[in-house]
Amino acid sequence: MAGRGTPATALLVKKAVQHQVHAYEHDPKHASYGTEAVELLGQDARRVFKTLVADLDGRLVVGVVPVARQLDLKALAAALGGKKARMAVVADAERATGYVAGGISPLGQRKALPLALDESAVEHPTIFCSGGRRGLEIELAPADLVTLTRAVVAPISS
């Protein structure tokens, strides 16, 4: 693996989970981190997932959805047993996860937050998610992501 590792990649190595790391040159001027990853890796936007942190009834949670779709906050709340979700303040998300916005990984977070993975992930043999910094994606089996994060798999995108 080129470059320095991240808590996400270290976790995958420690747990001996089969994965591939894909690095690309991040352009700070690009409008969307997820779209940039799709374009530069030449992948289908339904297989590349974005990690979004939300505030659910005063606690932080994570929704992981395809780049091609939007996080449905009502569905996220229902999936994680809450009443009302809204997008988290970026500084709160960064502090809780230990990652910077645009590089928040569902894996290796400073404090493992409750996580819901969009059900569409299981349609693919492997999916891509952030590797813990901008310009770094991890490809792994959706089942491995579910196991490592104790994710709830639910329809959370629209």
Protein backbone atom coordinates (compact mmCIF):
# COMPACT_ATOMS: atom_id res chain seq x y z
CA MET A 1 0.00 0.00 0.00
CA ALA A 2 1.39 3.35 -1.03
CA GLY A 3 1.46 6.20 1.45
CA ARG A 4 0.67 6.06 5.12
CA GLY A 5 -1.95 3.83 6.60
CA THR A 6 -5.07 4.97 8.41
CA PRO A 7 -7.00 3.53 11.36
CA ALA A 8 -9.39 2.04 8.76
CA THR A 9 -6.67 0.21 6.83
CA ALA A 10 -4.94 -0.84 10.07
CA LEU A 11 -8.21 -2.40 11.31
CA LEU A 12 -8.61 -4.40 8.08
CA VAL A 13 -5.04 -5.71 8.34
CA LYS A 14 -5.41 -6.52 12.05
CA LYS A 15 -8.66 -8.44 11.44
CA ALA A 16 -7.20 -10.12 8.30
CA VAL A 17 -10.13 -8.94 6.18
CA GLN A 18 -9.66 -9.26 2.43
CA HIS A 19 -9.67 -5.79 0.87
CA GLN A 20 -8.03 -3.61 -1.74
CA VAL A 21 -6.87 -0.05 -1.23
CA HIS A 22 -7.38 2.40 -4.09
CA ALA A 23 -5.61 5.74 -3.91
CA TYR A 24 -6.09 8.71 -6.20
CA GLU A 25 -4.96 12.31 -6.29
CA HIS A 26 -7.65 14.34 -4.51
CA ASP A 27 -8.43 17.72 -6.08
CA PRO A 28 -9.44 20.20 -3.34
CA LYS A 29 -11.46 22.13 -5.95
CA HIS A 30 -13.73 19.19 -6.77
CA ALA A 31 -17.35 19.83 -5.74
CA SER A 32 -18.07 16.33 -4.39
CA TYR A 33 -15.75 13.86 -2.68
CA GLY A 34 -17.92 10.91 -3.66
CA THR A 35 -18.31 11.90 -7.30
CA GLU A 36 -14.57 12.51 -7.51
CA ALA A 37 -13.87 8.97 -6.26
CA VAL A 38 -16.34 7.50 -8.77
CA GLU A 39 -14.77 9.42 -11.66
CA LEU A 40 -11.11 8.86 -10.79
CA LEU A 41 -11.53 5.17 -9.94
CA GLY A 42 -13.76 4.54 -12.96
CA GLN A 43 -16.43 2.87 -10.83
CA ASP A 44 -20.21 2.70 -10.86
CA ALA A 45 -21.70 5.32 -8.49
CA ARG A 46 -23.94 2.56 -7.07
CA ARG A 47 -20.84 0.67 -5.79
CA VAL A 48 -19.03 3.63 -4.23
CA PHE A 49 -20.47 4.53 -0.83
CA LYS A 50 -20.27 7.76 1.12
CA THR A 51 -20.10 7.91 4.90
CA LEU A 52 -22.39 10.53 6.42
CA VAL A 53 -22.60 11.43 10.10
CA ALA A 54 -25.96 12.46 11.50
CA ASP A 55 -27.28 13.63 14.83
CA LEU A 56 -30.05 11.25 15.92
CA ASP A 57 -31.92 12.47 18.99
CA GLY A 58 -28.73 14.07 20.35
CA ARG A 59 -26.29 11.22 19.57
CA LEU A 60 -24.07 10.80 16.55
CA VAL A 61 -24.75 7.97 14.11
CA VAL A 62 -23.51 7.04 10.66
CA GLY A 63 -25.33 6.35 7.42
CA VAL A 64 -23.44 4.73 4.54
CA VAL A 65 -25.15 5.17 1.17
CA PRO A 66 -24.20 4.99 -2.52
CA VAL A 67 -22.73 8.14 -4.03
CA ALA A 68 -25.54 7.97 -6.62
CA ARG A 69 -28.19 8.42 -3.92
CA GLN A 70 -29.06 10.63 -0.94
CA LEU A 71 -29.27 9.71 2.73
CA ASP A 72 -32.92 9.53 3.84
CA LEU A 73 -32.77 10.94 7.37
CA LYS A 74 -36.22 9.60 8.35
CA ALA A 75 -35.23 6.11 7.20
CA LEU A 76 -31.89 6.38 9.05
CA ALA A 77 -33.72 7.33 12.24
CA ALA A 78 -36.09 4.38 11.85
CA ALA A 79 -33.23 1.95 11.11
CA LEU A 80 -31.31 2.98 14.22
CA GLY A 81 -34.29 3.20 16.56
CA GLY A 82 -34.55 6.96 16.87
CA LYS A 83 -37.10 9.65 16.25
CA LYS A 84 -35.43 12.56 14.42
CA ALA A 85 -32.17 12.72 12.52
CA ARG A 86 -30.40 15.69 10.99
CA MET A 87 -26.97 16.03 9.47
CA ALA A 88 -24.29 16.45 12.14
CA VAL A 89 -22.18 19.56 12.52
CA VAL A 90 -18.96 18.85 10.58
CA ALA A 91 -16.69 19.65 13.54
CA ASP A 92 -18.66 17.21 15.73
CA ALA A 93 -18.41 14.47 13.08
CA GLU A 94 -14.66 15.00 12.72
CA ARG A 95 -14.08 15.03 16.47
CA ALA A 96 -16.09 11.85 17.07
CA THR A 97 -14.65 9.84 14.18
CA GLY A 98 -11.07 11.11 14.15
CA TYR A 99 -11.31 11.74 10.41
CA VAL A 100 -11.71 14.89 8.31
CA ALA A 101 -14.86 15.55 6.28
CA GLY A 102 -14.52 13.97 2.86
CA GLY A 103 -12.34 11.27 4.39
CA ILE A 104 -14.60 9.88 7.13
CA SER A 105 -14.44 6.11 7.00
CA PRO A 106 -17.04 3.79 8.48
CA LEU A 107 -14.06 1.75 9.76
CA GLY A 108 -11.56 2.56 12.49
CA GLN A 109 -13.45 5.50 13.95
CA ARG A 110 -12.10 7.02 17.16
CA LYS A 111 -15.42 6.09 18.78
CA ALA A 112 -17.39 3.45 16.88
CA LEU A 113 -20.69 5.14 16.14
CA PRO A 114 -23.94 3.22 15.47
CA LEU A 115 -24.02 2.62 11.73
CA ALA A 116 -26.64 1.83 9.11
CA LEU A 117 -25.59 0.57 5.68
CA ASP A 118 -27.95 1.02 2.75
CA GLU A 119 -29.44 -2.32 1.72
CA SER A 120 -28.29 -1.81 -1.88
CA ALA A 121 -24.74 -2.65 -0.74
CA VAL A 122 -25.56 -6.36 -0.60
CA GLU A 123 -26.35 -6.36 -4.34
CA HIS A 124 -22.60 -6.08 -5.07
CA PRO A 125 -19.79 -8.58 -4.43
CA THR A 126 -17.61 -5.67 -3.26
CA ILE A 127 -18.23 -2.02 -2.50
CA PHE A 128 -15.97 0.98 -2.02
CA CYS A 129 -15.93 3.20 1.07
CA SER A 130 -13.59 5.85 2.38
CA GLY A 131 -10.25 4.59 3.60
CA GLY A 132 -9.91 7.36 6.16
CA ARG A 133 -8.56 10.26 4.15
CA ARG A 134 -9.46 12.17 1.03
CA GLY A 135 -8.19 10.31 -2.02
CA LEU A 136 -8.22 6.86 -0.40
CA GLU A 137 -10.94 4.25 -0.94
CA ILE A 138 -11.19 0.70 0.40
CA GLU A 139 -12.84 -2.05 -1.61
CA LEU A 140 -14.29 -4.87 0.48
CA ALA A 141 -17.21 -7.27 0.68
CA PRO A 142 -20.35 -5.67 2.14
CA ALA A 143 -20.66 -8.54 4.65
CA ASP A 144 -17.20 -7.72 6.02
CA LEU A 145 -18.17 -4.06 6.45
CA VAL A 146 -21.33 -5.14 8.31
CA THR A 147 -19.37 -7.47 10.59
CA LEU A 148 -16.63 -4.96 11.41
CA THR A 149 -19.01 -2.06 12.11
CA ARG A 150 -21.93 -4.07 13.54
CA ALA A 151 -24.02 -2.25 10.94
CA VAL A 152 -27.75 -2.43 10.56
CA VAL A 153 -28.58 -3.08 6.89
CA ALA A 154 -31.68 -1.11 5.91
CA PRO A 155 -33.21 0.96 3.10
CA ILE A 156 -31.76 4.36 4.12
CA SER A 157 -31.27 6.04 0.74
CA SER A 158 -33.55 7.80 -1.70
